[in-house]
Amino acid sequence: MCETAVRVWKVLRERCRRDAGMVTSEYAMGIIAAVGFAMLLYEVVTSGQVKAELQSIVKRALGARM
């Protein structure tokens, strides 16, 4: 019984070691998704309305009296 458990444990350990990380295609898809999200965020932040709101927040913060 103990030998069977040891054999099963060795098989499971070997199977887990074979799949130890992402493959190149997964890295590529992750990078593409990150770049797409960064572009979307950049477009939102640099849009006219958001840019004006951010500038007004900074002006109010710099003009505040302590």
N, C-alpha and C. Protein backbone atom coordinates (compact mmCIF):
# COMPACT_ATOMS: atom_id res chain seq x y z
N MET A 1 0.82 -1.20 0.00
CA MET A 1 0.00 0.00 0.00
C MET A 1 0.86 1.26 0.00
N CYS A 2 1.91 1.26 0.81
CA CYS A 2 2.79 2.41 0.89
C CYS A 2 3.56 2.61 -0.40
N GLU A 3 3.94 1.51 -1.04
CA GLU A 3 4.67 1.61 -2.30
C GLU A 3 3.79 2.21 -3.39
N THR A 4 2.51 1.87 -3.37
CA THR A 4 1.58 2.42 -4.35
C THR A 4 1.43 3.92 -4.15
N ALA A 5 1.33 4.36 -2.92
CA ALA A 5 1.20 5.79 -2.63
C ALA A 5 2.45 6.54 -3.07
N VAL A 6 3.61 5.95 -2.86
CA VAL A 6 4.87 6.58 -3.28
C VAL A 6 4.92 6.69 -4.80
N ARG A 7 4.50 5.63 -5.49
CA ARG A 7 4.49 5.65 -6.96
C ARG A 7 3.53 6.72 -7.48
N VAL A 8 2.34 6.81 -6.89
CA VAL A 8 1.37 7.82 -7.30
C VAL A 8 1.92 9.22 -7.05
N TRP A 9 2.56 9.42 -5.92
CA TRP A 9 3.13 10.73 -5.59
C TRP A 9 4.20 11.13 -6.61
N LYS A 10 5.04 10.16 -7.02
CA LYS A 10 6.10 10.45 -8.00
C LYS A 10 5.50 10.82 -9.35
N VAL A 11 4.44 10.11 -9.76
CA VAL A 11 3.80 10.41 -11.04
C VAL A 11 3.19 11.80 -11.00
N LEU A 12 2.49 12.13 -9.93
CA LEU A 12 1.88 13.46 -9.81
C LEU A 12 2.93 14.57 -9.80
N ARG A 13 4.03 14.32 -9.11
CA ARG A 13 5.09 15.32 -9.04
C ARG A 13 5.70 15.55 -10.42
N GLU A 14 5.91 14.51 -11.18
CA GLU A 14 6.48 14.65 -12.52
C GLU A 14 5.52 15.38 -13.45
N ARG A 15 4.23 15.11 -13.33
CA ARG A 15 3.25 15.79 -14.18
C ARG A 15 3.20 17.28 -13.86
N CYS A 16 3.31 17.62 -12.61
CA CYS A 16 3.29 19.04 -12.22
C CYS A 16 4.56 19.76 -12.68
N ARG A 17 5.66 19.08 -12.70
CA ARG A 17 6.92 19.70 -13.12
C ARG A 17 6.96 19.98 -14.61
N ARG A 18 6.27 19.18 -15.41
CA ARG A 18 6.28 19.37 -16.85
C ARG A 18 5.64 20.68 -17.27
N ASP A 19 4.60 21.10 -16.58
CA ASP A 19 3.89 22.33 -16.94
C ASP A 19 4.23 23.40 -15.90
N ALA A 20 5.42 23.97 -16.04
CA ALA A 20 5.94 24.85 -15.00
C ALA A 20 5.81 26.34 -15.32
N GLY A 21 5.12 26.71 -16.39
CA GLY A 21 5.01 28.13 -16.69
C GLY A 21 4.30 28.39 -18.00
N MET A 22 4.24 29.65 -18.36
CA MET A 22 3.57 30.02 -19.59
C MET A 22 4.48 29.75 -20.79
N VAL A 23 3.86 29.45 -21.90
CA VAL A 23 4.60 29.28 -23.13
C VAL A 23 4.69 30.62 -23.85
N THR A 24 5.49 30.68 -24.88
CA THR A 24 5.74 31.94 -25.58
C THR A 24 4.46 32.57 -26.12
N SER A 25 3.55 31.77 -26.61
CA SER A 25 2.30 32.33 -27.15
C SER A 25 1.47 32.98 -26.05
N GLU A 26 1.50 32.42 -24.84
CA GLU A 26 0.77 33.03 -23.73
C GLU A 26 1.41 34.35 -23.33
N TYR A 27 2.74 34.42 -23.33
CA TYR A 27 3.42 35.68 -23.06
C TYR A 27 3.05 36.73 -24.11
N ALA A 28 3.03 36.31 -25.37
CA ALA A 28 2.70 37.24 -26.45
C ALA A 28 1.28 37.77 -26.29
N MET A 29 0.34 36.92 -25.98
CA MET A 29 -1.05 37.37 -25.80
C MET A 29 -1.16 38.30 -24.60
N GLY A 30 -0.43 38.02 -23.55
CA GLY A 30 -0.44 38.89 -22.37
C GLY A 30 0.13 40.26 -22.69
N ILE A 31 1.20 40.30 -23.46
CA ILE A 31 1.81 41.58 -23.84
C ILE A 31 0.88 42.37 -24.74
N ILE A 32 0.24 41.69 -25.69
CA ILE A 32 -0.70 42.38 -26.58
C ILE A 32 -1.86 42.96 -25.78
N ALA A 33 -2.39 42.21 -24.83
CA ALA A 33 -3.49 42.70 -24.00
C ALA A 33 -3.04 43.90 -23.16
N ALA A 34 -1.84 43.84 -22.60
CA ALA A 34 -1.33 44.94 -21.79
C ALA A 34 -1.13 46.20 -22.62
N VAL A 35 -0.60 46.05 -23.83
CA VAL A 35 -0.39 47.20 -24.71
C VAL A 35 -1.72 47.80 -25.13
N GLY A 36 -2.70 46.95 -25.43
CA GLY A 36 -4.03 47.45 -25.78
C GLY A 36 -4.66 48.22 -24.63
N PHE A 37 -4.54 47.71 -23.42
CA PHE A 37 -5.09 48.40 -22.26
C PHE A 37 -4.36 49.72 -22.02
N ALA A 38 -3.04 49.73 -22.19
CA ALA A 38 -2.28 50.96 -22.01
C ALA A 38 -2.68 52.02 -23.04
N MET A 39 -2.91 51.59 -24.28
CA MET A 39 -3.35 52.54 -25.31
C MET A 39 -4.72 53.12 -24.98
N LEU A 40 -5.62 52.26 -24.53
CA LEU A 40 -6.96 52.73 -24.15
C LEU A 40 -6.88 53.71 -22.99
N LEU A 41 -6.09 53.40 -21.99
CA LEU A 41 -5.93 54.29 -20.84
C LEU A 41 -5.31 55.62 -21.25
N TYR A 42 -4.33 55.58 -22.13
CA TYR A 42 -3.68 56.80 -22.62
C TYR A 42 -4.70 57.68 -23.35
N GLU A 43 -5.53 57.06 -24.19
CA GLU A 43 -6.53 57.83 -24.93
C GLU A 43 -7.54 58.47 -23.99
N VAL A 44 -7.94 57.77 -22.96
CA VAL A 44 -8.90 58.32 -21.99
C VAL A 44 -8.28 59.48 -21.23
N VAL A 45 -7.05 59.29 -20.75
CA VAL A 45 -6.41 60.33 -19.93
C VAL A 45 -6.08 61.57 -20.75
N THR A 46 -5.74 61.42 -22.01
CA THR A 46 -5.38 62.57 -22.83
C THR A 46 -6.57 63.17 -23.58
N SER A 47 -7.77 62.64 -23.35
CA SER A 47 -8.94 63.24 -24.00
C SER A 47 -9.19 64.62 -23.40
N GLY A 48 -9.90 65.46 -24.12
CA GLY A 48 -10.08 66.85 -23.72
C GLY A 48 -10.72 67.03 -22.35
N GLN A 49 -11.83 66.33 -22.11
CA GLN A 49 -12.55 66.51 -20.86
C GLN A 49 -11.75 66.02 -19.66
N VAL A 50 -11.16 64.85 -19.77
CA VAL A 50 -10.38 64.31 -18.65
C VAL A 50 -9.14 65.16 -18.42
N LYS A 51 -8.50 65.61 -19.48
CA LYS A 51 -7.31 66.45 -19.35
C LYS A 51 -7.65 67.75 -18.63
N ALA A 52 -8.79 68.37 -18.98
CA ALA A 52 -9.21 69.61 -18.32
C ALA A 52 -9.51 69.37 -16.84
N GLU A 53 -10.15 68.26 -16.53
CA GLU A 53 -10.45 67.95 -15.13
C GLU A 53 -9.17 67.73 -14.33
N LEU A 54 -8.23 67.01 -14.89
CA LEU A 54 -6.97 66.79 -14.19
C LEU A 54 -6.21 68.09 -13.96
N GLN A 55 -6.22 68.97 -14.96
CA GLN A 55 -5.56 70.26 -14.81
C GLN A 55 -6.23 71.10 -13.74
N SER A 56 -7.54 71.06 -13.67
CA SER A 56 -8.23 71.85 -12.64
C SER A 56 -7.95 71.31 -11.25
N ILE A 57 -7.84 69.99 -11.13
CA ILE A 57 -7.51 69.40 -9.83
C ILE A 57 -6.11 69.84 -9.39
N VAL A 58 -5.16 69.81 -10.31
CA VAL A 58 -3.78 70.22 -9.98
C VAL A 58 -3.74 71.70 -9.63
N LYS A 59 -4.45 72.54 -10.37
CA LYS A 59 -4.48 73.98 -10.07
C LYS A 59 -5.07 74.25 -8.70
N ARG A 60 -6.15 73.56 -8.37
CA ARG A 60 -6.76 73.74 -7.03
C ARG A 60 -5.81 73.29 -5.94
N ALA A 61 -5.10 72.18 -6.17
CA ALA A 61 -4.17 71.66 -5.16
C ALA A 61 -2.99 72.61 -4.97
N LEU A 62 -2.48 73.19 -6.06
CA LEU A 62 -1.36 74.11 -5.95
C LEU A 62 -1.77 75.46 -5.39
N GLY A 63 -3.04 75.82 -5.59
CA GLY A 63 -3.52 77.12 -5.12
C GLY A 63 -4.08 77.10 -3.71
N ALA A 64 -4.13 75.94 -3.08
CA ALA A 64 -4.69 75.81 -1.73
C ALA A 64 -3.78 76.46 -0.70
N ARG A 65 -4.39 77.14 0.25
CA ARG A 65 -3.61 77.75 1.34
C ARG A 65 -3.54 76.82 2.53
N MET A 66 -2.41 76.83 3.16
CA MET A 66 -2.21 75.96 4.31
C MET A 66 -2.51 76.70 5.58
